[in-house]
N, C-alpha and C. Protein backbone atom coordinates (compact mmCIF):
# COMPACT_ATOMS: atom_id res chain seq x y z
N MET A 1 -119.04 -116.47 6.81
CA MET A 1 -118.52 -115.94 5.59
C MET A 1 -117.04 -115.63 5.70
N GLY A 2 -116.54 -115.43 6.80
CA GLY A 2 -115.15 -115.08 7.00
C GLY A 2 -114.21 -116.20 6.60
N THR A 3 -114.60 -117.47 6.93
CA THR A 3 -113.75 -118.59 6.54
C THR A 3 -113.78 -118.82 5.04
N LYS A 4 -114.97 -118.62 4.45
CA LYS A 4 -115.07 -118.80 3.01
C LYS A 4 -114.21 -117.79 2.29
N THR A 5 -114.24 -116.60 2.73
CA THR A 5 -113.44 -115.54 2.10
C THR A 5 -111.96 -115.82 2.32
N SER A 6 -111.62 -116.27 3.51
CA SER A 6 -110.22 -116.57 3.78
C SER A 6 -109.73 -117.72 2.91
N LEU A 7 -110.57 -118.74 2.72
CA LEU A 7 -110.19 -119.86 1.87
C LEU A 7 -110.05 -119.42 0.41
N MET A 8 -110.97 -118.59 -0.04
CA MET A 8 -110.89 -118.10 -1.42
C MET A 8 -109.62 -117.27 -1.61
N LEU A 9 -109.34 -116.45 -0.62
CA LEU A 9 -108.13 -115.64 -0.69
C LEU A 9 -106.89 -116.51 -0.66
N LEU A 10 -106.90 -117.56 0.13
CA LEU A 10 -105.78 -118.49 0.21
C LEU A 10 -105.59 -119.22 -1.13
N PHE A 11 -106.71 -119.70 -1.73
CA PHE A 11 -106.62 -120.37 -3.03
C PHE A 11 -106.13 -119.41 -4.12
N LEU A 12 -106.56 -118.17 -4.03
CA LEU A 12 -106.11 -117.17 -5.00
C LEU A 12 -104.61 -116.93 -4.87
N ILE A 13 -104.12 -116.83 -3.66
CA ILE A 13 -102.68 -116.61 -3.44
C ILE A 13 -101.90 -117.85 -3.90
N ILE A 14 -102.40 -119.06 -3.63
CA ILE A 14 -101.73 -120.29 -4.06
C ILE A 14 -101.69 -120.37 -5.58
N SER A 15 -102.83 -120.05 -6.23
CA SER A 15 -102.85 -120.14 -7.70
C SER A 15 -101.94 -119.08 -8.33
N VAL A 16 -101.86 -117.88 -7.75
CA VAL A 16 -100.92 -116.87 -8.26
C VAL A 16 -99.49 -117.35 -8.05
N GLY A 17 -99.21 -117.97 -6.91
CA GLY A 17 -97.87 -118.51 -6.65
C GLY A 17 -97.50 -119.61 -7.62
N ILE A 18 -98.46 -120.52 -7.87
CA ILE A 18 -98.21 -121.59 -8.84
C ILE A 18 -97.99 -120.99 -10.23
N GLY A 19 -98.77 -119.98 -10.57
CA GLY A 19 -98.61 -119.30 -11.87
C GLY A 19 -97.23 -118.68 -11.99
N LEU A 20 -96.80 -118.04 -10.89
CA LEU A 20 -95.47 -117.43 -10.93
C LEU A 20 -94.37 -118.47 -11.02
N ILE A 21 -94.53 -119.59 -10.35
CA ILE A 21 -93.51 -120.63 -10.35
C ILE A 21 -93.44 -121.35 -11.70
N PHE A 22 -94.58 -121.70 -12.29
CA PHE A 22 -94.59 -122.51 -13.50
C PHE A 22 -94.78 -121.71 -14.80
N VAL A 23 -95.63 -120.72 -14.77
CA VAL A 23 -95.98 -120.00 -16.00
C VAL A 23 -94.94 -118.93 -16.34
N LYS A 24 -94.45 -118.19 -15.36
CA LYS A 24 -93.52 -117.09 -15.64
C LYS A 24 -92.24 -117.58 -16.31
N PRO A 25 -91.59 -118.68 -15.87
CA PRO A 25 -90.39 -119.15 -16.59
C PRO A 25 -90.70 -119.52 -18.04
N LYS A 26 -91.86 -120.13 -18.28
CA LYS A 26 -92.24 -120.48 -19.65
C LYS A 26 -92.44 -119.21 -20.47
N TYR A 27 -93.05 -118.20 -19.86
CA TYR A 27 -93.27 -116.93 -20.54
C TYR A 27 -91.93 -116.27 -20.88
N GLU A 28 -90.99 -116.29 -19.94
CA GLU A 28 -89.65 -115.73 -20.17
C GLU A 28 -88.94 -116.49 -21.29
N ASP A 29 -89.10 -117.80 -21.28
CA ASP A 29 -88.49 -118.64 -22.33
C ASP A 29 -89.06 -118.29 -23.70
N VAL A 30 -90.37 -118.09 -23.77
CA VAL A 30 -91.01 -117.70 -25.04
C VAL A 30 -90.49 -116.34 -25.49
N LYS A 31 -90.32 -115.39 -24.56
CA LYS A 31 -89.80 -114.06 -24.91
C LYS A 31 -88.38 -114.16 -25.48
N ILE A 32 -87.54 -114.98 -24.87
CA ILE A 32 -86.16 -115.17 -25.34
C ILE A 32 -86.16 -115.80 -26.73
N LYS A 33 -87.01 -116.80 -26.93
CA LYS A 33 -87.09 -117.45 -28.25
C LYS A 33 -87.62 -116.48 -29.30
N GLN A 34 -88.54 -115.61 -28.91
CA GLN A 34 -89.08 -114.63 -29.85
C GLN A 34 -87.98 -113.65 -30.28
N LYS A 35 -87.14 -113.23 -29.33
CA LYS A 35 -86.01 -112.36 -29.68
C LYS A 35 -85.05 -113.07 -30.62
N SER A 36 -84.81 -114.36 -30.36
CA SER A 36 -83.93 -115.15 -31.21
C SER A 36 -84.50 -115.26 -32.62
N VAL A 37 -85.80 -115.50 -32.72
CA VAL A 37 -86.47 -115.59 -34.03
C VAL A 37 -86.37 -114.25 -34.76
N ASP A 38 -86.59 -113.16 -34.04
CA ASP A 38 -86.48 -111.83 -34.66
C ASP A 38 -85.07 -111.58 -35.17
N GLY A 39 -84.07 -111.99 -34.39
CA GLY A 39 -82.68 -111.85 -34.82
C GLY A 39 -82.39 -112.67 -36.06
N LYS A 40 -82.94 -113.89 -36.10
CA LYS A 40 -82.73 -114.75 -37.28
C LYS A 40 -83.43 -114.17 -38.50
N LYS A 41 -84.60 -113.55 -38.32
CA LYS A 41 -85.29 -112.91 -39.44
C LYS A 41 -84.46 -111.78 -40.02
N VAL A 42 -83.82 -111.00 -39.15
CA VAL A 42 -82.94 -109.93 -39.61
C VAL A 42 -81.76 -110.51 -40.37
N LEU A 43 -81.17 -111.58 -39.85
CA LEU A 43 -80.04 -112.24 -40.51
C LEU A 43 -80.44 -112.79 -41.88
N VAL A 44 -81.61 -113.42 -41.96
CA VAL A 44 -82.09 -113.94 -43.24
C VAL A 44 -82.30 -112.80 -44.24
N LYS A 45 -82.85 -111.70 -43.78
CA LYS A 45 -83.05 -110.54 -44.66
C LYS A 45 -81.72 -110.01 -45.17
N GLU A 46 -80.72 -109.90 -44.28
CA GLU A 46 -79.39 -109.43 -44.70
C GLU A 46 -78.76 -110.41 -45.70
N LEU A 47 -78.91 -111.71 -45.47
CA LEU A 47 -78.37 -112.70 -46.39
C LEU A 47 -79.06 -112.63 -47.75
N GLU A 48 -80.36 -112.42 -47.75
CA GLU A 48 -81.08 -112.29 -49.01
C GLU A 48 -80.63 -111.05 -49.78
N GLU A 49 -80.39 -109.94 -49.05
CA GLU A 49 -79.89 -108.73 -49.70
C GLU A 49 -78.49 -108.96 -50.27
N SER A 50 -77.64 -109.66 -49.50
CA SER A 50 -76.28 -109.96 -49.98
C SER A 50 -76.33 -110.87 -51.20
N LEU A 51 -77.21 -111.85 -51.17
CA LEU A 51 -77.35 -112.76 -52.31
C LEU A 51 -77.86 -112.02 -53.54
N SER A 52 -78.78 -111.11 -53.34
CA SER A 52 -79.29 -110.30 -54.46
C SER A 52 -78.17 -109.45 -55.04
N LEU A 53 -77.35 -108.85 -54.17
CA LEU A 53 -76.23 -108.04 -54.63
C LEU A 53 -75.20 -108.90 -55.37
N LEU A 54 -74.93 -110.10 -54.86
CA LEU A 54 -74.01 -111.02 -55.51
C LEU A 54 -74.52 -111.41 -56.89
N LYS A 55 -75.81 -111.67 -57.00
CA LYS A 55 -76.41 -112.01 -58.29
C LYS A 55 -76.29 -110.84 -59.26
N LYS A 56 -76.50 -109.64 -58.75
CA LYS A 56 -76.38 -108.44 -59.59
C LYS A 56 -74.96 -108.31 -60.13
N TYR A 57 -73.95 -108.48 -59.24
CA TYR A 57 -72.55 -108.38 -59.68
C TYR A 57 -72.19 -109.50 -60.64
N ASN A 58 -72.70 -110.68 -60.38
CA ASN A 58 -72.45 -111.81 -61.26
C ASN A 58 -73.01 -111.54 -62.65
N ASP A 59 -74.22 -110.99 -62.71
CA ASP A 59 -74.83 -110.65 -63.99
C ASP A 59 -74.02 -109.57 -64.71
N ARG A 60 -73.57 -108.56 -63.97
CA ARG A 60 -72.77 -107.49 -64.59
C ARG A 60 -71.46 -108.04 -65.13
N TYR A 61 -70.85 -108.95 -64.38
CA TYR A 61 -69.59 -109.55 -64.83
C TYR A 61 -69.81 -110.37 -66.10
N THR A 62 -70.90 -111.13 -66.10
CA THR A 62 -71.22 -111.95 -67.26
C THR A 62 -71.47 -111.08 -68.49
N GLU A 63 -72.14 -109.93 -68.29
CA GLU A 63 -72.39 -109.01 -69.41
C GLU A 63 -71.08 -108.47 -69.99
N ARG A 64 -70.10 -108.26 -69.13
CA ARG A 64 -68.84 -107.65 -69.56
C ARG A 64 -67.73 -108.66 -69.80
N GLU A 65 -68.07 -109.91 -69.86
CA GLU A 65 -67.08 -110.96 -70.01
C GLU A 65 -66.27 -110.80 -71.30
N GLN A 66 -66.92 -110.39 -72.37
CA GLN A 66 -66.22 -110.19 -73.64
C GLN A 66 -65.17 -109.09 -73.50
N ASP A 67 -65.54 -108.00 -72.80
CA ASP A 67 -64.58 -106.91 -72.60
C ASP A 67 -63.39 -107.37 -71.78
N ILE A 68 -63.65 -108.20 -70.77
CA ILE A 68 -62.57 -108.70 -69.91
C ILE A 68 -61.64 -109.60 -70.72
N SER A 69 -62.19 -110.43 -71.58
CA SER A 69 -61.34 -111.30 -72.39
C SER A 69 -60.49 -110.46 -73.36
N LYS A 70 -61.02 -109.33 -73.83
CA LYS A 70 -60.23 -108.43 -74.69
C LYS A 70 -59.07 -107.83 -73.90
N LEU A 71 -59.31 -107.53 -72.63
CA LEU A 71 -58.26 -106.97 -71.79
C LEU A 71 -57.09 -107.94 -71.67
N TYR A 72 -57.37 -109.23 -71.54
CA TYR A 72 -56.31 -110.22 -71.44
C TYR A 72 -55.49 -110.31 -72.72
N LYS A 73 -56.15 -110.02 -73.84
CA LYS A 73 -55.44 -110.08 -75.12
C LYS A 73 -54.43 -108.94 -75.26
N VAL A 74 -54.56 -107.89 -74.46
CA VAL A 74 -53.63 -106.77 -74.48
C VAL A 74 -52.30 -107.15 -73.85
N LEU A 75 -52.31 -108.15 -72.98
CA LEU A 75 -51.08 -108.57 -72.30
C LEU A 75 -50.07 -109.07 -73.32
N PRO A 76 -48.78 -108.85 -73.06
CA PRO A 76 -47.76 -109.29 -74.02
C PRO A 76 -47.72 -110.82 -74.15
N GLN A 77 -47.33 -111.26 -75.34
CA GLN A 77 -47.20 -112.69 -75.63
C GLN A 77 -45.85 -113.15 -75.08
N GLY A 78 -45.81 -113.97 -74.08
CA GLY A 78 -44.55 -114.47 -73.52
C GLY A 78 -43.97 -113.50 -72.50
N LYS A 79 -43.03 -114.00 -71.69
CA LYS A 79 -42.48 -113.17 -70.61
C LYS A 79 -41.45 -112.16 -71.08
N ASN A 80 -40.74 -112.42 -72.17
CA ASN A 80 -39.79 -111.46 -72.77
C ASN A 80 -38.91 -110.77 -71.72
N THR A 81 -38.14 -111.55 -70.96
CA THR A 81 -37.32 -110.96 -69.90
C THR A 81 -36.26 -110.01 -70.43
N ALA A 82 -35.69 -110.30 -71.60
CA ALA A 82 -34.66 -109.41 -72.15
C ALA A 82 -35.25 -108.04 -72.48
N GLU A 83 -36.40 -108.03 -73.12
CA GLU A 83 -37.06 -106.77 -73.45
C GLU A 83 -37.48 -106.03 -72.18
N THR A 84 -38.00 -106.77 -71.21
CA THR A 84 -38.42 -106.16 -69.95
C THR A 84 -37.22 -105.56 -69.22
N LEU A 85 -36.08 -106.25 -69.24
CA LEU A 85 -34.86 -105.73 -68.62
C LEU A 85 -34.46 -104.41 -69.28
N ASN A 86 -34.49 -104.36 -70.61
CA ASN A 86 -34.15 -103.12 -71.32
C ASN A 86 -35.11 -101.99 -70.96
N GLN A 87 -36.40 -102.30 -70.85
CA GLN A 87 -37.38 -101.28 -70.50
C GLN A 87 -37.16 -100.76 -69.08
N LEU A 88 -36.88 -101.68 -68.13
CA LEU A 88 -36.62 -101.26 -66.75
C LEU A 88 -35.34 -100.44 -66.66
N GLU A 89 -34.33 -100.83 -67.41
CA GLU A 89 -33.08 -100.08 -67.42
C GLU A 89 -33.31 -98.67 -67.97
N PHE A 90 -34.10 -98.56 -69.03
CA PHE A 90 -34.41 -97.25 -69.61
C PHE A 90 -35.21 -96.40 -68.63
N LEU A 91 -36.20 -97.00 -67.95
CA LEU A 91 -36.98 -96.24 -66.96
C LEU A 91 -36.09 -95.72 -65.84
N ASN A 92 -35.15 -96.55 -65.38
CA ASN A 92 -34.21 -96.11 -64.34
C ASN A 92 -33.37 -94.94 -64.84
N PHE A 93 -32.82 -95.07 -66.04
CA PHE A 93 -31.98 -94.03 -66.63
C PHE A 93 -32.79 -92.75 -66.82
N GLN A 94 -34.00 -92.88 -67.33
CA GLN A 94 -34.86 -91.73 -67.62
C GLN A 94 -35.21 -90.96 -66.35
N THR A 95 -35.36 -91.63 -65.24
CA THR A 95 -35.76 -90.97 -63.99
C THR A 95 -34.59 -90.63 -63.08
N GLY A 96 -33.38 -90.95 -63.49
CA GLY A 96 -32.21 -90.58 -62.71
C GLY A 96 -31.78 -91.60 -61.68
N LEU A 97 -32.24 -92.82 -61.79
CA LEU A 97 -31.83 -93.88 -60.87
C LEU A 97 -30.73 -94.72 -61.52
N ILE A 98 -29.96 -95.39 -60.69
CA ILE A 98 -28.94 -96.32 -61.18
C ILE A 98 -29.44 -97.72 -60.88
N LEU A 99 -29.64 -98.52 -61.93
CA LEU A 99 -30.13 -99.89 -61.78
C LEU A 99 -28.97 -100.76 -61.29
N GLU A 100 -29.17 -101.40 -60.14
CA GLU A 100 -28.13 -102.25 -59.57
C GLU A 100 -28.35 -103.72 -59.90
N SER A 101 -29.60 -104.18 -59.80
CA SER A 101 -29.88 -105.59 -60.13
C SER A 101 -31.36 -105.79 -60.40
N VAL A 102 -31.65 -106.82 -61.20
CA VAL A 102 -33.03 -107.22 -61.47
C VAL A 102 -33.06 -108.74 -61.49
N ASN A 103 -33.96 -109.32 -60.76
CA ASN A 103 -34.17 -110.78 -60.77
C ASN A 103 -35.59 -111.06 -61.24
N PHE A 104 -35.73 -112.00 -62.15
CA PHE A 104 -37.03 -112.40 -62.65
C PHE A 104 -37.36 -113.79 -62.13
N THR A 105 -38.57 -113.97 -61.66
CA THR A 105 -39.03 -115.28 -61.20
C THR A 105 -40.41 -115.54 -61.79
N GLU A 106 -40.56 -116.68 -62.43
CA GLU A 106 -41.85 -117.03 -62.99
C GLU A 106 -42.67 -117.70 -61.90
N VAL A 107 -43.88 -117.20 -61.69
CA VAL A 107 -44.76 -117.75 -60.66
C VAL A 107 -45.52 -118.93 -61.27
N ALA A 108 -45.50 -120.05 -60.56
CA ALA A 108 -46.20 -121.25 -61.05
C ALA A 108 -47.70 -121.01 -61.05
N GLN A 109 -48.35 -121.47 -62.12
CA GLN A 109 -49.80 -121.34 -62.22
C GLN A 109 -50.45 -122.23 -61.16
N GLN A 110 -51.48 -121.69 -60.51
CA GLN A 110 -52.22 -122.48 -59.54
C GLN A 110 -53.19 -123.39 -60.29
N ALA A 111 -53.46 -124.51 -59.67
CA ALA A 111 -54.41 -125.45 -60.28
C ALA A 111 -55.78 -124.79 -60.39
N LYS A 112 -56.53 -125.18 -61.38
CA LYS A 112 -57.85 -124.62 -61.59
C LYS A 112 -58.72 -124.91 -60.37
N ALA A 113 -59.38 -123.88 -59.88
CA ALA A 113 -60.21 -124.02 -58.69
C ALA A 113 -61.42 -124.89 -58.98
N GLN A 114 -61.79 -125.67 -57.98
CA GLN A 114 -62.98 -126.50 -58.12
C GLN A 114 -64.21 -125.60 -58.08
N PRO A 115 -65.21 -125.87 -58.91
CA PRO A 115 -66.40 -125.03 -58.89
C PRO A 115 -67.08 -125.11 -57.53
N GLN A 116 -67.55 -123.97 -57.09
CA GLN A 116 -68.23 -123.93 -55.81
C GLN A 116 -69.68 -124.33 -56.01
N LYS A 117 -70.30 -124.76 -54.92
CA LYS A 117 -71.71 -125.14 -54.99
C LYS A 117 -72.54 -123.88 -55.18
N ALA A 118 -73.69 -124.06 -55.76
CA ALA A 118 -74.60 -122.94 -55.97
C ALA A 118 -75.17 -122.51 -54.63
N ALA A 119 -75.26 -121.20 -54.45
CA ALA A 119 -75.85 -120.67 -53.23
C ALA A 119 -77.35 -120.55 -53.46
N GLU A 120 -78.14 -121.04 -52.50
CA GLU A 120 -79.58 -121.01 -52.70
C GLU A 120 -80.26 -120.56 -51.44
N THR A 121 -81.09 -119.53 -51.55
CA THR A 121 -81.94 -119.11 -50.45
C THR A 121 -83.06 -118.28 -51.02
N GLY A 122 -84.18 -118.40 -50.44
CA GLY A 122 -85.32 -117.60 -50.84
C GLY A 122 -85.73 -117.80 -52.29
N GLY A 123 -85.52 -118.97 -52.85
CA GLY A 123 -85.93 -119.23 -54.22
C GLY A 123 -84.95 -118.72 -55.26
N GLN A 124 -83.88 -118.03 -54.86
CA GLN A 124 -82.89 -117.55 -55.82
C GLN A 124 -81.67 -118.46 -55.79
N THR A 125 -81.08 -118.69 -56.94
CA THR A 125 -79.88 -119.52 -57.02
C THR A 125 -78.82 -118.75 -57.78
N VAL A 126 -77.62 -118.68 -57.22
CA VAL A 126 -76.50 -118.03 -57.88
C VAL A 126 -75.40 -119.05 -58.02
N THR A 127 -74.96 -119.30 -59.25
CA THR A 127 -73.87 -120.23 -59.48
C THR A 127 -72.63 -119.44 -59.85
N PRO A 128 -71.45 -119.96 -59.56
CA PRO A 128 -70.21 -119.24 -59.86
C PRO A 128 -69.81 -119.38 -61.32
N GLN A 129 -70.77 -119.18 -62.25
CA GLN A 129 -70.49 -119.38 -63.66
C GLN A 129 -69.49 -118.36 -64.19
N ALA A 130 -69.49 -117.15 -63.66
CA ALA A 130 -68.59 -116.13 -64.19
C ALA A 130 -67.13 -116.52 -63.96
N SER A 131 -66.83 -117.09 -62.79
CA SER A 131 -65.45 -117.47 -62.53
C SER A 131 -65.03 -118.67 -63.36
N GLN A 132 -65.99 -119.49 -63.78
CA GLN A 132 -65.66 -120.65 -64.59
C GLN A 132 -65.57 -120.28 -66.07
N ALA A 133 -66.14 -119.12 -66.43
CA ALA A 133 -66.27 -118.77 -67.84
C ALA A 133 -64.92 -118.50 -68.50
N LEU A 134 -63.96 -117.98 -67.75
CA LEU A 134 -62.66 -117.69 -68.35
C LEU A 134 -61.90 -118.99 -68.53
N SER A 135 -61.52 -119.26 -69.73
CA SER A 135 -60.78 -120.49 -69.99
C SER A 135 -59.32 -120.29 -69.62
N GLU A 136 -58.56 -121.36 -69.71
CA GLU A 136 -57.14 -121.31 -69.38
C GLU A 136 -56.41 -120.29 -70.26
N ASP A 137 -56.89 -120.07 -71.49
CA ASP A 137 -56.23 -119.14 -72.41
C ASP A 137 -56.23 -117.72 -71.86
N PHE A 138 -57.24 -117.37 -71.08
CA PHE A 138 -57.38 -116.00 -70.60
C PHE A 138 -56.82 -115.81 -69.19
N ARG A 139 -56.23 -116.83 -68.63
CA ARG A 139 -55.65 -116.71 -67.31
C ARG A 139 -54.23 -116.17 -67.46
N PRO A 140 -53.96 -114.96 -66.96
CA PRO A 140 -52.61 -114.40 -67.16
C PRO A 140 -51.55 -115.14 -66.37
N LYS A 141 -50.35 -115.17 -66.93
CA LYS A 141 -49.21 -115.75 -66.24
C LYS A 141 -48.49 -114.60 -65.54
N ILE A 142 -47.77 -114.92 -64.48
CA ILE A 142 -47.15 -113.89 -63.64
C ILE A 142 -45.63 -114.03 -63.66
N LEU A 143 -44.97 -112.90 -63.88
CA LEU A 143 -43.52 -112.81 -63.81
C LEU A 143 -43.19 -111.84 -62.68
N THR A 144 -42.55 -112.34 -61.62
CA THR A 144 -42.21 -111.49 -60.48
C THR A 144 -40.84 -110.86 -60.72
N ILE A 145 -40.76 -109.55 -60.49
CA ILE A 145 -39.48 -108.86 -60.61
C ILE A 145 -39.02 -108.41 -59.24
N ASP A 146 -37.73 -108.52 -59.00
CA ASP A 146 -37.11 -108.02 -57.77
C ASP A 146 -36.03 -107.05 -58.25
N LEU A 147 -36.29 -105.76 -58.10
CA LEU A 147 -35.44 -104.73 -58.68
C LEU A 147 -34.76 -103.94 -57.57
N LYS A 148 -33.47 -103.68 -57.75
CA LYS A 148 -32.73 -102.84 -56.79
C LYS A 148 -32.11 -101.69 -57.57
N SER A 149 -32.37 -100.46 -57.10
CA SER A 149 -31.84 -99.24 -57.72
C SER A 149 -31.36 -98.31 -56.63
N SER A 150 -30.56 -97.34 -57.03
CA SER A 150 -30.15 -96.32 -56.08
C SER A 150 -30.28 -94.95 -56.71
N GLY A 151 -30.53 -93.96 -55.86
CA GLY A 151 -30.70 -92.59 -56.33
C GLY A 151 -31.45 -91.79 -55.28
N SER A 152 -31.93 -90.62 -55.69
CA SER A 152 -32.64 -89.75 -54.76
C SER A 152 -34.09 -90.20 -54.61
N TYR A 153 -34.70 -89.70 -53.56
CA TYR A 153 -36.10 -90.03 -53.31
C TYR A 153 -36.99 -89.50 -54.43
N GLU A 154 -36.71 -88.29 -54.91
CA GLU A 154 -37.47 -87.70 -56.01
C GLU A 154 -37.35 -88.54 -57.27
N SER A 155 -36.17 -89.08 -57.53
CA SER A 155 -35.97 -89.94 -58.71
C SER A 155 -36.80 -91.22 -58.57
N PHE A 156 -36.86 -91.76 -57.36
CA PHE A 156 -37.63 -92.98 -57.16
C PHE A 156 -39.13 -92.72 -57.33
N LYS A 157 -39.60 -91.55 -56.86
CA LYS A 157 -41.00 -91.18 -57.07
C LYS A 157 -41.29 -91.07 -58.56
N ALA A 158 -40.37 -90.47 -59.30
CA ALA A 158 -40.54 -90.34 -60.75
C ALA A 158 -40.55 -91.72 -61.41
N PHE A 159 -39.71 -92.64 -60.91
CA PHE A 159 -39.68 -94.00 -61.44
C PHE A 159 -41.02 -94.70 -61.22
N LEU A 160 -41.57 -94.57 -60.02
CA LEU A 160 -42.87 -95.20 -59.73
C LEU A 160 -43.97 -94.61 -60.61
N SER A 161 -43.92 -93.32 -60.83
CA SER A 161 -44.91 -92.68 -61.70
C SER A 161 -44.78 -93.19 -63.13
N ALA A 162 -43.54 -93.34 -63.61
CA ALA A 162 -43.31 -93.87 -64.96
C ALA A 162 -43.73 -95.33 -65.05
N LEU A 163 -43.48 -96.09 -63.99
CA LEU A 163 -43.87 -97.50 -63.98
C LEU A 163 -45.39 -97.65 -64.00
N GLU A 164 -46.07 -96.72 -63.36
CA GLU A 164 -47.54 -96.76 -63.31
C GLU A 164 -48.15 -96.59 -64.71
N THR A 165 -47.53 -95.78 -65.55
CA THR A 165 -48.06 -95.54 -66.89
C THR A 165 -47.32 -96.35 -67.95
N HIS A 166 -46.46 -97.23 -67.52
CA HIS A 166 -45.66 -98.04 -68.45
C HIS A 166 -46.56 -99.02 -69.18
N ILE A 167 -46.15 -99.39 -70.40
CA ILE A 167 -46.95 -100.28 -71.23
C ILE A 167 -47.08 -101.68 -70.63
N ARG A 168 -46.11 -102.09 -69.84
CA ARG A 168 -46.14 -103.42 -69.21
C ARG A 168 -46.82 -103.29 -67.85
N LEU A 169 -47.99 -103.90 -67.73
CA LEU A 169 -48.78 -103.84 -66.50
C LEU A 169 -47.99 -104.43 -65.33
N THR A 170 -47.81 -103.64 -64.25
CA THR A 170 -47.03 -104.09 -63.10
C THR A 170 -47.78 -103.77 -61.81
N ASP A 171 -47.94 -104.78 -60.96
CA ASP A 171 -48.50 -104.58 -59.61
C ASP A 171 -47.35 -104.57 -58.63
N VAL A 172 -47.11 -103.44 -57.99
CA VAL A 172 -46.04 -103.34 -57.00
C VAL A 172 -46.51 -104.02 -55.73
N GLN A 173 -45.74 -104.98 -55.25
CA GLN A 173 -46.10 -105.76 -54.07
C GLN A 173 -45.39 -105.26 -52.80
N LYS A 174 -44.14 -104.80 -52.99
CA LYS A 174 -43.35 -104.44 -51.80
C LYS A 174 -42.29 -103.42 -52.21
N ILE A 175 -42.11 -102.41 -51.37
CA ILE A 175 -41.07 -101.40 -51.57
C ILE A 175 -40.32 -101.25 -50.25
N SER A 176 -39.00 -101.21 -50.34
CA SER A 176 -38.20 -100.92 -49.15
C SER A 176 -37.01 -100.06 -49.59
N PHE A 177 -36.47 -99.31 -48.67
CA PHE A 177 -35.31 -98.50 -49.00
C PHE A 177 -34.44 -98.31 -47.77
N SER A 178 -33.16 -98.01 -48.04
CA SER A 178 -32.22 -97.74 -46.96
C SER A 178 -31.28 -96.63 -47.42
N GLU A 179 -30.73 -95.91 -46.46
CA GLU A 179 -29.83 -94.81 -46.77
C GLU A 179 -28.52 -95.38 -47.30
N LYS A 180 -28.00 -94.75 -48.38
CA LYS A 180 -26.78 -95.26 -48.98
C LYS A 180 -25.67 -94.21 -48.95
N GLY A 181 -26.01 -92.99 -49.26
CA GLY A 181 -25.00 -91.94 -49.32
C GLY A 181 -24.67 -91.40 -47.94
N GLU A 182 -23.48 -90.80 -47.83
CA GLU A 182 -23.06 -90.24 -46.54
C GLU A 182 -23.80 -88.96 -46.22
N ALA A 183 -24.23 -88.24 -47.25
CA ALA A 183 -24.95 -86.99 -47.03
C ALA A 183 -26.42 -87.24 -46.69
N GLY A 184 -26.89 -88.47 -46.86
CA GLY A 184 -28.27 -88.80 -46.53
C GLY A 184 -29.25 -88.47 -47.64
N ASP A 185 -28.72 -88.18 -48.83
CA ASP A 185 -29.61 -87.84 -49.93
C ASP A 185 -29.70 -88.93 -51.00
N ILE A 186 -28.92 -89.99 -50.87
CA ILE A 186 -28.95 -91.11 -51.80
C ILE A 186 -29.45 -92.35 -51.05
N PHE A 187 -30.38 -93.05 -51.68
CA PHE A 187 -30.98 -94.24 -51.06
C PHE A 187 -30.84 -95.44 -51.99
N GLN A 188 -30.87 -96.61 -51.39
CA GLN A 188 -30.97 -97.83 -52.18
C GLN A 188 -32.42 -98.30 -52.06
N PHE A 189 -33.08 -98.47 -53.21
CA PHE A 189 -34.48 -98.85 -53.25
C PHE A 189 -34.61 -100.29 -53.73
N SER A 190 -35.52 -100.99 -53.10
CA SER A 190 -35.82 -102.36 -53.50
C SER A 190 -37.31 -102.42 -53.79
N LEU A 191 -37.66 -102.97 -54.95
CA LEU A 191 -39.05 -103.06 -55.36
C LEU A 191 -39.34 -104.48 -55.84
N VAL A 192 -40.41 -105.05 -55.35
CA VAL A 192 -40.87 -106.36 -55.80
C VAL A 192 -42.26 -106.14 -56.41
N GLY A 193 -42.43 -106.66 -57.62
CA GLY A 193 -43.71 -106.48 -58.30
C GLY A 193 -44.02 -107.64 -59.22
N ASN A 194 -45.27 -107.70 -59.64
CA ASN A 194 -45.72 -108.74 -60.56
C ASN A 194 -46.03 -108.12 -61.92
N MET A 195 -45.50 -108.73 -62.97
CA MET A 195 -45.83 -108.36 -64.34
C MET A 195 -46.61 -109.51 -64.94
N TYR A 196 -47.51 -109.19 -65.85
CA TYR A 196 -48.40 -110.21 -66.41
C TYR A 196 -48.14 -110.40 -67.90
N TYR A 197 -48.34 -111.62 -68.35
CA TYR A 197 -48.22 -111.94 -69.76
C TYR A 197 -49.10 -113.13 -70.06
N ARG A 198 -49.22 -113.45 -71.36
CA ARG A 198 -50.02 -114.62 -71.73
C ARG A 198 -49.21 -115.60 -72.52
């Protein structure tokens, strides 16, 4: 019985060794793939949530499209640089700044963007219809202003505040200033901004 038991024990050790050599790597590979699948499931869930949120925003935009088109109608007809120059000069005077120069540059309209493909996942489809809905008539034109003024810092703050509530919609793109006066209380301000018109 001793040899039989020794042989059985030897076969058992060999089969466990073979199992460790061949089965364990496959088991580890399956575990790694399972983690990868779990990670992809999380990614798919996040993408579905993002797509749902995008669809929600797209629907909200589509609902308010009429209001947005009304907003574009508020923009002034034409660039009216002479009128804009008078308004900027008055704002400078009103806030205590001295207008040194103003340059107007008309920004060229970009070509109409090509429609994007519909995004599809999980049975939901979102098309970029809202971005296509605005016709060329509602696309605002841009007039870039490059304004140089001098005065105190407080006057420039007052100018920016007045520009913010001014009837002509202006997006300030860049502000820079340098010391001008010998006492250090007068500065030269440079402002670059975009004004919109139709």
